Protein backbone atom coordinates (compact mmCIF):
# COMPACT_ATOMS: atom_id res chain seq x y z
CA MET A 1 1.30 -17.03 -17.00
CA LYS A 2 3.32 -19.88 -15.52
CA ARG A 3 4.22 -18.14 -12.24
CA ALA A 4 0.85 -16.46 -11.69
CA ILE A 5 -0.96 -16.88 -8.40
CA SER A 6 -4.71 -16.75 -8.11
CA ASP A 7 -6.55 -13.46 -7.69
CA GLU A 8 -7.62 -14.70 -4.25
CA ASP A 9 -3.99 -15.35 -3.22
CA ALA A 10 -2.88 -11.98 -4.61
CA ARG A 11 -5.59 -10.19 -2.64
CA GLY A 12 -4.66 -12.20 0.44
CA LEU A 13 -1.05 -11.04 0.16
CA LEU A 14 -2.27 -7.48 -0.31
CA ALA A 15 -4.42 -7.78 2.82
CA GLU A 16 -1.69 -9.34 4.97
CA GLY A 17 1.27 -7.33 3.68
CA ARG A 18 2.68 -4.60 5.89
CA ARG A 19 4.88 -2.59 3.55
CA ALA A 20 4.56 -1.59 -0.08
CA VAL A 21 6.40 0.46 -2.64
CA LEU A 22 4.24 3.00 -4.44
CA ALA A 23 5.43 4.39 -7.78
CA ALA A 24 4.22 7.66 -9.25
CA ASN A 25 5.26 10.10 -11.95
CA GLY A 26 8.14 12.04 -10.42
CA ASP A 27 10.13 15.16 -11.27
CA ASP A 28 11.37 15.66 -14.85
CA GLY A 29 9.65 12.47 -16.04
CA TYR A 30 11.58 10.19 -13.69
CA PRO A 31 9.60 7.51 -11.87
CA PHE A 32 9.35 8.16 -8.14
CA ALA A 33 8.93 5.07 -5.94
CA PHE A 34 8.59 5.31 -2.18
CA PRO A 35 7.78 2.92 0.66
CA ILE A 36 4.44 3.19 2.42
CA ASP A 37 2.40 1.59 5.17
CA TYR A 38 -1.07 0.87 3.84
CA ARG A 39 -4.42 -0.79 4.44
CA PHE A 40 -6.31 -2.78 1.83
CA ASP A 41 -10.11 -2.57 1.95
CA ALA A 42 -11.18 -5.64 -0.05
CA ASP A 43 -14.88 -4.75 0.05
CA ALA A 44 -14.29 -1.30 -1.44
CA ASN A 45 -11.43 -2.54 -3.69
CA LYS A 46 -9.30 0.35 -2.41
CA ILE A 47 -5.98 0.91 -0.70
CA TYR A 48 -5.48 3.64 1.89
CA PHE A 49 -2.28 5.28 3.06
CA HIS A 50 -1.38 8.52 4.77
CA GLY A 51 1.25 11.14 4.20
CA ALA A 52 2.47 14.59 5.06
CA LYS A 53 0.81 17.64 3.53
CA ALA A 54 3.85 18.73 1.51
CA GLY A 55 6.83 17.16 -0.23
CA GLN A 56 7.92 15.18 -3.25
CA LYS A 57 5.25 12.51 -2.75
CA VAL A 58 2.48 15.13 -2.65
CA ASP A 59 3.86 16.82 -5.78
CA ALA A 60 4.09 13.53 -7.68
CA LEU A 61 0.54 12.50 -6.78
CA ARG A 62 -0.78 15.91 -7.82
CA ARG A 63 1.04 15.61 -11.14
CA SER A 64 -0.68 12.37 -12.10
CA ASP A 65 -3.19 10.14 -10.34
CA LYS A 66 -1.91 6.98 -12.07
CA VAL A 67 0.10 4.82 -9.65
CA CYS A 68 1.59 1.36 -9.34
CA LEU A 69 1.94 -0.36 -5.97
CA THR A 70 4.02 -3.48 -5.24
CA VAL A 71 3.88 -5.76 -2.19
CA MET A 72 6.18 -8.75 -1.64
CA GLY A 73 5.80 -11.47 0.97
CA ASN A 74 4.96 -15.06 1.87
CA GLU A 75 8.62 -16.05 1.52
CA ARG A 76 9.21 -19.74 2.17
CA LEU A 77 11.69 -22.54 1.57
CA GLU A 78 10.71 -25.93 0.16
CA ASP A 79 12.27 -29.37 0.07
CA ASP A 80 15.66 -28.40 1.49
CA GLU A 81 16.24 -25.86 -1.29
CA TRP A 82 18.47 -22.90 -0.49
CA ALA A 83 16.58 -20.35 -2.62
CA PRO A 84 13.28 -19.11 -1.23
CA TYR A 85 9.97 -18.80 -3.04
CA VAL A 86 8.42 -15.35 -2.74
CA GLN A 87 5.09 -13.94 -3.86
CA SER A 88 4.35 -10.45 -5.10
CA VAL A 89 1.31 -8.49 -6.10
CA VAL A 90 1.37 -5.47 -8.39
CA VAL A 91 -1.57 -3.06 -8.33
CA PHE A 92 -2.39 -0.45 -10.95
CA GLY A 93 -4.85 2.25 -10.04
CA ARG A 94 -5.81 5.86 -9.56
CA CYS A 95 -4.84 7.73 -6.42
CA ARG A 96 -6.69 10.68 -4.95
CA LEU A 97 -6.57 12.76 -1.81
CA VAL A 98 -9.53 12.04 0.48
CA ASP A 99 -11.21 15.38 1.11
CA ASP A 100 -13.55 14.31 3.90
CA THR A 101 -12.44 14.94 7.48
CA ALA A 102 -14.62 12.24 9.07
CA LYS A 103 -13.56 9.61 6.53
CA THR A 104 -9.90 10.62 6.91
CA GLU A 105 -10.05 10.25 10.70
CA ALA A 106 -11.81 6.88 10.50
CA GLU A 107 -9.48 5.44 7.85
CA VAL A 108 -6.32 6.70 9.57
CA ARG A 109 -7.50 4.92 12.73
CA ARG A 110 -8.14 1.68 10.80
CA LEU A 111 -4.75 1.98 9.14
CA ALA A 112 -2.99 2.66 12.43
CA LEU A 113 -4.65 -0.36 14.08
CA LYS A 114 -2.85 -2.55 11.54
CA TYR A 115 0.53 -1.33 12.85
CA TYR A 116 0.12 -0.23 16.47
CA PRO A 117 -0.25 -2.70 19.34
CA SER A 118 -3.47 -1.20 20.74
CA ALA A 119 -6.27 1.28 20.13
CA GLU A 120 -5.00 3.31 23.09
CA GLU A 121 -1.59 3.66 21.44
CA VAL A 122 -3.28 4.75 18.21
CA GLU A 123 -5.23 7.45 20.05
CA ARG A 124 -2.08 8.72 21.81
CA GLU A 125 -0.29 9.01 18.50
CA LEU A 126 -3.21 10.73 16.75
CA GLU A 127 -3.41 13.30 19.57
CA LYS A 128 0.17 14.35 18.81
CA TYR A 129 -0.49 15.15 15.15
CA PRO A 130 -4.19 15.93 14.78
CA SER A 131 -3.97 17.87 11.51
CA ALA A 132 -0.56 16.99 10.08
CA VAL A 133 -1.72 13.98 8.08
CA GLN A 134 -3.71 13.60 4.93
CA LEU A 135 -5.24 10.42 3.59
CA TYR A 136 -4.87 8.99 0.10
CA GLU A 137 -7.10 6.42 -1.55
CA ILE A 138 -6.09 4.20 -4.45
CA GLU A 139 -8.94 2.81 -6.48
CA ILE A 140 -7.69 -0.49 -7.88
CA GLU A 141 -8.14 -0.85 -11.62
CA HIS A 142 -6.11 -4.03 -12.09
CA LEU A 143 -3.87 -6.28 -10.04
CA THR A 144 -1.71 -9.28 -10.74
CA GLY A 145 0.25 -11.67 -8.55
CA LYS A 146 3.04 -14.12 -9.06
CA GLN A 147 5.37 -16.47 -7.24
CA VAL A 148 9.02 -16.90 -8.13
CA GLN A 149 11.93 -18.83 -6.73
CA GLU A 150 14.84 -16.48 -6.11
CA LYS A 151 17.68 -18.34 -7.79
C-alpha cells in the first residue's frame, strides 16, 4: 500500500497516542463508535481502557467482542505546504472485561499515569471512585497504519 507506514511506526503512534475512537456493534445493528483514553502494552500486544459499569458501551461490548480502534496523530507540515500530513493506526481485535481485581487496579493505575501529572494525583482520583470502574482489554489480532496528506 502506497501510504502505509511501517508496523514499528504504527505501534509507536499507538503507544504515544492519547485518544482513540473505539467502534463496536451497537443497537439495532448500527455501529457504535466512542472516544476513549487508553494504554497500549506492546509486550502483551494489548490495549487497556476503563469504563463505567453500565451504559451503551457496556451493552455493545457484551453483544460482540469484535472491535475496531482508530488513533490519529503525528500531524506535521512539510516544505511550506498548507495541508498537513497525518498518520493513523487502525486496530482490529477482541475486547473482554478483565475479571481480576488486582490486575484491574494495577492496569487502571498504569493507564491513569499516562494522563495525570503525578502518582499522587492518580491515587487521589482512585480514592474517589474505588469500585465504579471496570477495565477492558483488547487483544490485538491485526493492525495497520498509514500516512496521508489532508488535501
